[in-house]
Amino acid sequence: MTQTTVDSGWRGVGLAFCALLAACSSEAPAAPAPPAPPAPVPAVAPVPAPAAAPAPVAVGATVPGTVVLANYQGQGYYYVGVVTAVTGNQLSVLYADGDTETLAPDGVMPDRLTPVMPGEALRDGVAVPVTIERRVGHALGVAGADGQRWWTSVPFVRVTAASMPATVFAAPAPAAFGQTGSLVLARYTGDGQWYEAVVGELVGELRRVVYADGSSEDLPMEALRDGGIAVGTRIETRTREQPEWVSGTVLLRAAHGVQVEFATGERRWAPVGLVRVPAGG
């Protein structure tokens, strides 16, 4: 088995689930992630905002579950986010790494991360220019200037307003099960639980899958299930504040985010990187 790890220092804030896994190393086996936190990435100077401000989303037409592109901390870089709450003129956004932010409408755009388009991706700890060629669930297929192609996860890709097309993203037709670009549930070798992944490459009889935290491993077909985490699925999730796995049911799915209802009646949003389907489930 080959396992690839990625740096979690993107956006100047460690991945939520990487920090969580480090804090919970003495508990149940961790979700797919590097065994040790990587070295921090040097800060990358933000691209200046374009002279013409992008058109914001219409707050009145925005509801929880709306997928957007959010200007993280006003730095001029946009990341895929899911609106989890609308309070007055403020939008609460969940990023794919579990980070959250409350933004005004002018900090949020419709989801225009539509291949093919330029962007930047984290590669060996450095932000490099790429062409975003494919988008499936939490995963993006990108190509570097040297022609190398690879799959990564949305927390590690950023775009600017000036690079965005006018069209809003529409999900493509799903790839056949087990083929490159297909969305699957993968039985992670670290704990035997099922996590959402995208098949990024065929390696002989194996499939190299990319998890939501950017890590990958090669698995046989019998360790895969067709499709990702869907509405109605019984799952387990956890957070920084609640590190133990808690059972719930998926009520709503939007890009990398799932709204979960627990036995107490509480409802909460979680990124798919902190969600698993129990073995035997």
C-alpha atoms as a PDB file:
ATOM      1  CA  MET A   1       0.000   0.000   0.000  1.00  0.00           C
ATOM      2  CA  THR A   2       1.236   3.444  -0.865  1.00  0.00           C
ATOM      3  CA  GLN A   3       0.092   6.362   1.213  1.00  0.00           C
ATOM      4  CA  THR A   4       0.687   9.998   0.282  1.00  0.00           C
ATOM      5  CA  THR A   5       0.387  12.899   2.694  1.00  0.00           C
ATOM      6  CA  VAL A   6      -0.056  16.614   2.154  1.00  0.00           C
ATOM      7  CA  ASP A   7       0.873  19.664   4.199  1.00  0.00           C
ATOM      8  CA  SER A   8      -1.883  21.017   6.420  1.00  0.00           C
ATOM      9  CA  GLY A   9      -0.600  24.590   6.759  1.00  0.00           C
ATOM     10  CA  TRP A  10      -2.680  25.946   3.894  1.00  0.00           C
ATOM     11  CA  ARG A  11      -4.440  29.288   4.566  1.00  0.00           C
ATOM     12  CA  GLY A  12      -2.205  29.877   7.593  1.00  0.00           C
ATOM     13  CA  VAL A  13      -4.590  27.784   9.703  1.00  0.00           C
ATOM     14  CA  GLY A  14      -3.959  24.065  10.345  1.00  0.00           C
ATOM     15  CA  LEU A  15      -6.547  21.670   9.057  1.00  0.00           C
ATOM     16  CA  ALA A  16      -9.228  21.216  11.648  1.00  0.00           C
ATOM     17  CA  PHE A  17      -9.128  17.466  11.427  1.00  0.00           C
ATOM     18  CA  CYS A  18      -5.330  17.347  11.514  1.00  0.00           C
ATOM     19  CA  ALA A  19      -5.369  19.298  14.800  1.00  0.00           C
ATOM     20  CA  LEU A  20      -8.167  17.094  16.042  1.00  0.00           C
ATOM     21  CA  LEU A  21      -6.360  13.882  15.214  1.00  0.00           C
ATOM     22  CA  ALA A  22      -3.244  15.086  17.006  1.00  0.00           C
ATOM     23  CA  ALA A  23      -5.311  15.926  20.083  1.00  0.00           C
ATOM     24  CA  CYS A  24      -7.027  12.544  20.007  1.00  0.00           C
ATOM     25  CA  SER A  25      -4.065  10.315  19.278  1.00  0.00           C
ATOM     26  CA  SER A  26      -4.755   8.240  22.367  1.00  0.00           C
ATOM     27  CA  GLU A  27      -8.355   7.520  21.383  1.00  0.00           C
ATOM     28  CA  ALA A  28      -9.949   5.478  18.628  1.00  0.00           C
ATOM     29  CA  PRO A  29      -7.990   5.065  15.378  1.00  0.00           C
ATOM     30  CA  ALA A  30      -7.876   8.303  13.461  1.00  0.00           C
ATOM     31  CA  ALA A  31      -9.566   9.207  10.223  1.00  0.00           C
ATOM     32  CA  PRO A  32      -7.397   9.223   7.096  1.00  0.00           C
ATOM     33  CA  ALA A  33      -4.566  11.675   7.778  1.00  0.00           C
ATOM     34  CA  PRO A  34      -0.780  11.795   8.009  1.00  0.00           C
ATOM     35  CA  PRO A  35       0.603  10.008  11.080  1.00  0.00           C
ATOM     36  CA  ALA A  36       2.363  13.181  12.243  1.00  0.00           C
ATOM     37  CA  PRO A  37       1.730  16.877  11.570  1.00  0.00           C
ATOM     38  CA  PRO A  38       3.887  18.161   8.720  1.00  0.00           C
ATOM     39  CA  ALA A  39       6.088  21.229   8.983  1.00  0.00           C
ATOM     40  CA  PRO A  40       4.267  24.544   8.547  1.00  0.00           C
ATOM     41  CA  VAL A  41       4.201  26.129   5.122  1.00  0.00           C
ATOM     42  CA  PRO A  42       5.756  29.600   4.738  1.00  0.00           C
ATOM     43  CA  ALA A  43       3.095  32.230   4.255  1.00  0.00           C
ATOM     44  CA  VAL A  44       2.291  33.024   0.648  1.00  0.00           C
ATOM     45  CA  ALA A  45       1.557  36.653  -0.109  1.00  0.00           C
ATOM     46  CA  PRO A  46      -2.085  37.071  -1.133  1.00  0.00           C
ATOM     47  CA  VAL A  47      -2.955  38.088  -4.652  1.00  0.00           C
ATOM     48  CA  PRO A  48      -4.245  41.702  -4.732  1.00  0.00           C
ATOM     49  CA  ALA A  49      -7.997  41.934  -5.092  1.00  0.00           C
ATOM     50  CA  PRO A  50      -9.208  42.877  -8.571  1.00  0.00           C
ATOM     51  CA  ALA A  51     -10.124  46.491  -9.217  1.00  0.00           C
ATOM     52  CA  ALA A  52     -13.746  45.572  -9.863  1.00  0.00           C
ATOM     53  CA  ALA A  53     -15.338  43.918  -6.843  1.00  0.00           C
ATOM     54  CA  PRO A  54     -17.032  40.604  -7.648  1.00  0.00           C
ATOM     55  CA  ALA A  55     -20.798  40.445  -7.429  1.00  0.00           C
ATOM     56  CA  PRO A  56     -21.747  39.063  -3.994  1.00  0.00           C
ATOM     57  CA  VAL A  57     -24.359  36.441  -3.388  1.00  0.00           C
ATOM     58  CA  ALA A  58     -27.888  37.621  -2.662  1.00  0.00           C
ATOM     59  CA  VAL A  59     -28.404  37.077   1.062  1.00  0.00           C
ATOM     60  CA  GLY A  60     -32.175  36.838   0.728  1.00  0.00           C
ATOM     61  CA  ALA A  61     -31.806  33.963  -1.718  1.00  0.00           C
ATOM     62  CA  THR A  62     -29.089  32.186   0.260  1.00  0.00           C
ATOM     63  CA  VAL A  63     -30.065  29.324   2.575  1.00  0.00           C
ATOM     64  CA  PRO A  64     -28.063  26.841   4.639  1.00  0.00           C
ATOM     65  CA  GLY A  65     -26.556  24.319   2.265  1.00  0.00           C
ATOM     66  CA  THR A  66     -25.742  26.861  -0.442  1.00  0.00           C
ATOM     67  CA  VAL A  67     -22.287  26.189  -1.911  1.00  0.00           C
ATOM     68  CA  VAL A  68     -20.233  29.364  -2.371  1.00  0.00           C
ATOM     69  CA  LEU A  69     -16.735  30.663  -2.906  1.00  0.00           C
ATOM     70  CA  ALA A  70     -15.605  32.582   0.175  1.00  0.00           C
ATOM     71  CA  ASN A  71     -12.875  35.234   0.386  1.00  0.00           C
ATOM     72  CA  TYR A  72     -10.975  33.800   3.337  1.00  0.00           C
ATOM     73  CA  GLN A  73     -10.177  36.563   5.858  1.00  0.00           C
ATOM     74  CA  GLY A  74     -10.421  39.118   3.057  1.00  0.00           C
ATOM     75  CA  GLN A  75      -7.050  38.012   1.640  1.00  0.00           C
ATOM     76  CA  GLY A  76      -8.216  37.909  -1.978  1.00  0.00           C
ATOM     77  CA  TYR A  77      -8.140  34.118  -2.177  1.00  0.00           C
ATOM     78  CA  TYR A  78     -11.403  32.218  -2.561  1.00  0.00           C
ATOM     79  CA  TYR A  79     -12.113  28.715  -1.267  1.00  0.00           C
ATOM     80  CA  VAL A  80     -15.119  26.466  -1.651  1.00  0.00           C
ATOM     81  CA  GLY A  81     -17.427  26.859   1.339  1.00  0.00           C
ATOM     82  CA  VAL A  82     -20.898  25.814   2.437  1.00  0.00           C
ATOM     83  CA  VAL A  83     -23.278  28.304   4.059  1.00  0.00           C
ATOM     84  CA  THR A  84     -24.426  26.824   7.370  1.00  0.00           C
ATOM     85  CA  ALA A  85     -26.441  29.767   8.734  1.00  0.00           C
ATOM     86  CA  VAL A  86     -27.764  33.167   7.675  1.00  0.00           C
ATOM     87  CA  THR A  87     -28.044  35.723  10.485  1.00  0.00           C
ATOM     88  CA  GLY A  88     -29.239  39.122   9.357  1.00  0.00           C
ATOM     89  CA  ASN A  89     -26.711  40.254   6.772  1.00  0.00           C
ATOM     90  CA  GLN A  90     -24.039  37.744   7.829  1.00  0.00           C
ATOM     91  CA  LEU A  91     -23.272  34.325   6.367  1.00  0.00           C
ATOM     92  CA  SER A  92     -21.664  31.524   8.370  1.00  0.00           C
ATOM     93  CA  VAL A  93     -19.416  29.425   6.125  1.00  0.00           C
ATOM     94  CA  LEU A  94     -17.928  25.953   6.660  1.00  0.00           C
ATOM     95  CA  TYR A  95     -14.693  25.250   4.785  1.00  0.00           C
ATOM     96  CA  ALA A  96     -13.675  21.761   3.742  1.00  0.00           C
ATOM     97  CA  ASP A  97     -10.973  21.547   6.436  1.00  0.00           C
ATOM     98  CA  GLY A  98     -13.533  22.176   9.184  1.00  0.00           C
ATOM     99  CA  ASP A  99     -12.610  25.833   9.660  1.00  0.00           C
ATOM    100  CA  THR A 100     -15.517  28.290   9.844  1.00  0.00           C
ATOM    101  CA  GLU A 101     -15.933  31.990   9.216  1.00  0.00           C
ATOM    102  CA  THR A 102     -18.707  34.598   9.312  1.00  0.00           C
ATOM    103  CA  LEU A 103     -18.717  36.878   6.281  1.00  0.00           C
ATOM    104  CA  ALA A 104     -20.633  39.807   4.872  1.00  0.00           C
ATOM    105  CA  PRO A 105     -22.223  39.312   1.437  1.00  0.00           C
ATOM    106  CA  ASP A 106     -19.343  41.076  -0.348  1.00  0.00           C
ATOM    107  CA  GLY A 107     -16.982  38.350   0.904  1.00  0.00           C
ATOM    108  CA  VAL A 108     -18.934  35.547  -0.733  1.00  0.00           C
ATOM    109  CA  MET A 109     -19.513  34.719  -4.391  1.00  0.00           C
ATOM    110  CA  PRO A 110     -21.588  32.093  -6.182  1.00  0.00           C
ATOM    111  CA  ASP A 111     -19.716  28.825  -6.700  1.00  0.00           C
ATOM    112  CA  ARG A 112     -17.881  29.488  -9.970  1.00  0.00           C
ATOM    113  CA  LEU A 113     -15.040  27.052  -9.467  1.00  0.00           C
ATOM    114  CA  THR A 114     -15.810  25.494 -12.812  1.00  0.00           C
ATOM    115  CA  PRO A 115     -13.164  23.487 -14.680  1.00  0.00           C
ATOM    116  CA  VAL A 116     -11.267  24.297 -16.774  1.00  0.00           C
ATOM    117  CA  MET A 117      -9.821  27.343 -14.948  1.00  0.00           C
ATOM    118  CA  PRO A 118      -6.583  28.569 -13.350  1.00  0.00           C
ATOM    119  CA  GLY A 119      -5.837  28.436  -9.636  1.00  0.00           C
ATOM    120  CA  GLU A 120      -3.158  27.555  -7.118  1.00  0.00           C
ATOM    121  CA  ALA A 121      -2.675  24.232  -5.351  1.00  0.00           C
ATOM    122  CA  LEU A 122      -0.446  23.100  -2.528  1.00  0.00           C
ATOM    123  CA  ARG A 123       2.300  20.813  -3.804  1.00  0.00           C
ATOM    124  CA  ASP A 124       5.183  19.668  -1.627  1.00  0.00           C
ATOM    125  CA  GLY A 125       4.407  22.492   0.787  1.00  0.00           C
ATOM    126  CA  VAL A 126       4.440  25.221  -1.859  1.00  0.00           C
ATOM    127  CA  ALA A 127       1.587  27.023  -3.603  1.00  0.00           C
ATOM    128  CA  VAL A 128       2.016  26.439  -7.340  1.00  0.00           C
ATOM    129  CA  PRO A 129      -0.005  27.639 -10.336  1.00  0.00           C
ATOM    130  CA  VAL A 130      -2.262  24.937 -11.736  1.00  0.00           C
ATOM    131  CA  THR A 131      -5.043  24.395 -14.189  1.00  0.00           C
ATOM    132  CA  ILE A 132      -8.109  22.950 -12.477  1.00  0.00           C
ATOM    133  CA  GLU A 133      -9.315  20.288 -14.898  1.00  0.00           C
ATOM    134  CA  ARG A 134     -11.823  18.195 -12.938  1.00  0.00           C
ATOM    135  CA  ARG A 135     -14.021  18.517  -9.875  1.00  0.00           C
ATOM    136  CA  VAL A 136     -15.716  15.573  -8.173  1.00  0.00           C
ATOM    137  CA  GLY A 137     -17.128  15.956  -4.668  1.00  0.00           C
ATOM    138  CA  HIS A 138     -14.344  17.192  -2.390  1.00  0.00           C
ATOM    139  CA  ALA A 139     -11.641  16.377  -4.953  1.00  0.00           C
ATOM    140  CA  LEU A 140     -10.066  18.424  -7.731  1.00  0.00           C
ATOM    141  CA  GLY A 141      -7.990  17.098 -10.612  1.00  0.00           C
ATOM    142  CA  VAL A 142      -5.258  19.617 -11.401  1.00  0.00           C
ATOM    143  CA  ALA A 143      -2.328  19.980 -13.800  1.00  0.00           C
ATOM    144  CA  GLY A 144       0.886  21.832 -13.021  1.00  0.00           C
ATOM    145  CA  ALA A 145       2.910  23.980 -15.393  1.00  0.00           C
ATOM    146  CA  ASP A 146       5.268  21.014 -15.899  1.00  0.00           C
ATOM    147  CA  GLY A 147       2.373  18.915 -17.221  1.00  0.00           C
ATOM    148  CA  GLN A 148       2.132  16.679 -14.161  1.00  0.00           C
ATOM    149  CA  ARG A 149      -1.433  15.830 -13.165  1.00  0.00           C
ATOM    150  CA  TRP A 150      -2.690  14.835  -9.738  1.00  0.00           C
ATOM    151  CA  TRP A 151      -5.772  14.788  -7.553  1.00  0.00           C
ATOM    152  CA  THR A 152      -6.048  16.919  -4.446  1.00  0.00           C
ATOM    153  CA  SER A 153      -8.768  18.087  -2.071  1.00  0.00           C
ATOM    154  CA  VAL A 154     -10.581  21.439  -2.077  1.00  0.00           C
ATOM    155  CA  PRO A 155      -8.914  22.759   1.120  1.00  0.00           C
ATOM    156  CA  PHE A 156      -5.642  22.840  -0.814  1.00  0.00           C
ATOM    157  CA  VAL A 157      -6.817  24.782  -3.864  1.00  0.00           C
ATOM    158  CA  ARG A 158      -7.549  28.490  -4.071  1.00  0.00           C
ATOM    159  CA  VAL A 159      -8.622  30.880  -6.804  1.00  0.00           C
ATOM    160  CA  THR A 160      -8.978  34.637  -7.272  1.00  0.00           C
ATOM    161  CA  ALA A 161     -12.018  36.572  -8.417  1.00  0.00           C
ATOM    162  CA  ALA A 162     -10.233  37.623 -11.602  1.00  0.00           C
ATOM    163  CA  SER A 163      -9.716  33.988 -12.640  1.00  0.00           C
ATOM    164  CA  MET A 164     -13.313  32.848 -12.253  1.00  0.00           C
ATOM    165  CA  PRO A 165     -15.560  32.124 -15.219  1.00  0.00           C
ATOM    166  CA  ALA A 166     -19.036  33.606 -15.401  1.00  0.00           C
ATOM    167  CA  THR A 167     -20.736  30.221 -15.177  1.00  0.00           C
ATOM    168  CA  VAL A 168     -21.781  28.642 -11.889  1.00  0.00           C
ATOM    169  CA  PHE A 169     -20.450  25.126 -11.268  1.00  0.00           C
ATOM    170  CA  ALA A 170     -22.685  22.221 -12.250  1.00  0.00           C
ATOM    171  CA  ALA A 171     -21.667  18.728 -11.188  1.00  0.00           C
ATOM    172  CA  PRO A 172     -20.690  16.499 -14.135  1.00  0.00           C
ATOM    173  CA  ALA A 173     -22.182  13.096 -14.810  1.00  0.00           C
ATOM    174  CA  PRO A 174     -20.661  10.576 -12.379  1.00  0.00           C
ATOM    175  CA  ALA A 175     -17.841   8.347 -13.562  1.00  0.00           C
ATOM    176  CA  ALA A 176     -18.355   4.585 -13.570  1.00  0.00           C
ATOM    177  CA  PHE A 177     -17.680   2.899 -10.235  1.00  0.00           C
ATOM    178  CA  GLY A 178     -13.997   2.277  -9.695  1.00  0.00           C
ATOM    179  CA  GLN A 179     -12.887   4.416 -12.621  1.00  0.00           C
ATOM    180  CA  THR A 180     -10.853   7.610 -12.362  1.00  0.00           C
ATOM    181  CA  GLY A 181     -13.000  10.399 -10.976  1.00  0.00           C
ATOM    182  CA  SER A 182     -15.606   8.145  -9.366  1.00  0.00           C
ATOM    183  CA  LEU A 183     -16.909   9.026  -5.904  1.00  0.00           C
ATOM    184  CA  VAL A 184     -16.672   6.117  -3.464  1.00  0.00           C
ATOM    185  CA  LEU A 185     -16.688   5.051   0.143  1.00  0.00           C
ATOM    186  CA  ALA A 186     -13.271   3.595   0.933  1.00  0.00           C
ATOM    187  CA  ARG A 187     -12.413   1.279   3.829  1.00  0.00           C
ATOM    188  CA  TYR A 188      -9.441   3.048   5.345  1.00  0.00           C
ATOM    189  CA  THR A 189      -6.688   0.629   6.328  1.00  0.00           C
ATOM    190  CA  GLY A 190      -5.937   2.621   9.475  1.00  0.00           C
ATOM    191  CA  ASP A 191      -9.145   1.690  11.278  1.00  0.00           C
ATOM    192  CA  GLY A 192     -11.374  -0.377   8.973  1.00  0.00           C
ATOM    193  CA  GLN A 193     -14.053   2.339   8.844  1.00  0.00           C
ATOM    194  CA  TRP A 194     -15.511   3.803   5.648  1.00  0.00           C
ATOM    195  CA  TYR A 195     -14.677   7.323   4.488  1.00  0.00           C
ATOM    196  CA  GLU A 196     -15.631   9.260   1.398  1.00  0.00           C
ATOM    197  CA  ALA A 197     -12.952   9.329  -1.292  1.00  0.00           C
ATOM    198  CA  VAL A 198     -12.438   9.896  -5.003  1.00  0.00           C
ATOM    199  CA  VAL A 199     -10.593   7.458  -7.266  1.00  0.00           C
ATOM    200  CA  GLY A 200      -7.664   9.451  -8.604  1.00  0.00           C
ATOM    201  CA  GLU A 201      -5.686   6.774 -10.437  1.00  0.00           C
ATOM    202  CA  LEU A 202      -5.763   3.120 -11.450  1.00  0.00           C
ATOM    203  CA  VAL A 203      -2.653   1.315 -10.191  1.00  0.00           C
ATOM    204  CA  GLY A 204      -2.785  -2.146 -11.696  1.00  0.00           C
ATOM    205  CA  GLU A 205      -5.664  -3.942  -9.977  1.00  0.00           C
ATOM    206  CA  LEU A 206      -5.714  -1.324  -7.210  1.00  0.00           C
ATOM    207  CA  ARG A 207      -7.352   2.083  -6.996  1.00  0.00           C
ATOM    208  CA  ARG A 208      -5.516   5.110  -5.596  1.00  0.00           C
ATOM    209  CA  VAL A 209      -8.141   7.014  -3.630  1.00  0.00           C
ATOM    210  CA  VAL A 210      -7.976  10.600  -2.366  1.00  0.00           C
ATOM    211  CA  TYR A 211      -9.616  11.313   0.981  1.00  0.00           C
ATOM    212  CA  ALA A 212     -11.100  14.652   2.029  1.00  0.00           C
ATOM    213  CA  ASP A 213      -7.972  15.557   4.021  1.00  0.00           C
ATOM    214  CA  GLY A 214      -5.803  15.136   0.921  1.00  0.00           C
ATOM    215  CA  SER A 215      -4.174  11.865   1.997  1.00  0.00           C
ATOM    216  CA  SER A 216      -4.341   8.867  -0.315  1.00  0.00           C
ATOM    217  CA  GLU A 217      -3.783   5.127  -0.386  1.00  0.00           C
ATOM    218  CA  ASP A 218      -4.034   2.243  -2.850  1.00  0.00           C
ATOM    219  CA  LEU A 219      -6.951  -0.130  -2.248  1.00  0.00           C
ATOM    220  CA  PRO A 220      -8.458  -3.186  -3.942  1.00  0.00           C
ATOM    221  CA  MET A 221     -11.939  -2.913  -5.414  1.00  0.00           C
ATOM    222  CA  GLU A 222     -13.428  -4.962  -2.566  1.00  0.00           C
ATOM    223  CA  ALA A 223     -12.452  -2.116  -0.206  1.00  0.00           C
ATOM    224  CA  LEU A 224     -14.617   0.346  -2.152  1.00  0.00           C
ATOM    225  CA  ARG A 225     -18.336   1.058  -2.301  1.00  0.00           C
ATOM    226  CA  ASP A 226     -20.030   2.987  -5.059  1.00  0.00           C
ATOM    227  CA  GLY A 227     -21.076   6.545  -4.168  1.00  0.00           C
ATOM    228  CA  GLY A 228     -20.274   8.887  -1.310  1.00  0.00           C
ATOM    229  CA  ILE A 229     -22.030   9.865   1.905  1.00  0.00           C
ATOM    230  CA  ALA A 230     -25.664  10.469   0.979  1.00  0.00           C
ATOM    231  CA  VAL A 231     -28.747  11.859   2.695  1.00  0.00           C
ATOM    232  CA  GLY A 232     -30.182   9.289   5.094  1.00  0.00           C
ATOM    233  CA  THR A 233     -26.847   7.589   5.776  1.00  0.00           C
ATOM    234  CA  ARG A 234     -26.147   6.607   9.366  1.00  0.00           C
ATOM    235  CA  ILE A 235     -22.735   8.033  10.159  1.00  0.00           C
ATOM    236  CA  GLU A 236     -20.384   9.001  12.954  1.00  0.00           C
ATOM    237  CA  THR A 237     -18.791  12.417  13.259  1.00  0.00           C
ATOM    238  CA  ARG A 238     -16.654  14.415  15.649  1.00  0.00           C
ATOM    239  CA  THR A 239     -15.319  17.941  16.142  1.00  0.00           C
ATOM    240  CA  ARG A 240     -12.552  19.793  17.978  1.00  0.00           C
ATOM    241  CA  GLU A 241     -14.858  20.387  20.910  1.00  0.00           C
ATOM    242  CA  GLN A 242     -16.332  16.888  20.818  1.00  0.00           C
ATOM    243  CA  PRO A 243     -13.468  14.542  19.872  1.00  0.00           C
ATOM    244  CA  GLU A 244     -15.334  11.303  20.467  1.00  0.00           C
ATOM    245  CA  TRP A 245     -17.280   9.829  17.581  1.00  0.00           C
ATOM    246  CA  VAL A 246     -21.030  10.478  17.844  1.00  0.00           C
ATOM    247  CA  SER A 247     -23.693   8.702  15.775  1.00  0.00           C
ATOM    248  CA  GLY A 248     -26.174  10.602  13.661  1.00  0.00           C
ATOM    249  CA  THR A 249     -28.075  10.680  10.385  1.00  0.00           C
ATOM    250  CA  VAL A 250     -27.282  12.850   7.371  1.00  0.00           C
ATOM    251  CA  LEU A 251     -30.147  15.273   6.688  1.00  0.00           C
ATOM    252  CA  LEU A 252     -28.581  17.427   3.990  1.00  0.00           C
ATOM    253  CA  ARG A 253     -25.552  17.142   1.718  1.00  0.00           C
ATOM    254  CA  ALA A 254     -23.858  20.086   0.005  1.00  0.00           C
ATOM    255  CA  ALA A 255     -20.387  19.755  -1.568  1.00  0.00           C
ATOM    256  CA  HIS A 256     -17.984  18.888   1.289  1.00  0.00           C
ATOM    257  CA  GLY A 257     -20.553  19.611   4.004  1.00  0.00           C
ATOM    258  CA  VAL A 258     -23.172  17.393   5.627  1.00  0.00           C
ATOM    259  CA  GLN A 259     -25.864  18.432   8.079  1.00  0.00           C
ATOM    260  CA  VAL A 260     -26.214  15.752  10.738  1.00  0.00           C
ATOM    261  CA  GLU A 261     -29.070  15.116  13.154  1.00  0.00           C
ATOM    262  CA  PHE A 262     -28.203  13.390  16.431  1.00  0.00           C
ATOM    263  CA  ALA A 263     -30.356  11.303  18.770  1.00  0.00           C
ATOM    264  CA  THR A 264     -30.798  14.369  20.999  1.00  0.00           C
ATOM    265  CA  GLY A 265     -32.434  16.235  18.121  1.00  0.00           C
ATOM    266  CA  GLU A 266     -29.440  18.549  17.737  1.00  0.00           C
ATOM    267  CA  ARG A 267     -28.443  19.376  14.176  1.00  0.00           C
ATOM    268  CA  ARG A 268     -24.923  20.323  13.195  1.00  0.00           C
ATOM    269  CA  TRP A 269     -22.851  20.756  10.051  1.00  0.00           C
ATOM    270  CA  ALA A 270     -19.636  18.796   9.558  1.00  0.00           C
ATOM    271  CA  PRO A 271     -17.083  18.433   6.751  1.00  0.00           C
ATOM    272  CA  VAL A 272     -16.904  14.981   5.165  1.00  0.00           C
ATOM    273  CA  GLY A 273     -13.317  14.709   6.377  1.00  0.00           C
ATOM    274  CA  LEU A 274     -14.695  14.357   9.910  1.00  0.00           C
ATOM    275  CA  VAL A 275     -17.427  11.905   8.992  1.00  0.00           C
ATOM    276  CA  ARG A 276     -17.218   8.138   8.677  1.00  0.00           C
ATOM    277  CA  VAL A 277     -19.582   5.245   8.050  1.00  0.00           C
ATOM    278  CA  PRO A 278     -19.042   2.578  10.732  1.00  0.00           C
ATOM    279  CA  ALA A 279     -17.742  -0.806   9.658  1.00  0.00           C
ATOM    280  CA  GLY A 280     -20.749  -3.004   9.011  1.00  0.00           C
ATOM    281  CA  GLY A 281     -22.894   0.061   8.394  1.00  0.00           C
END
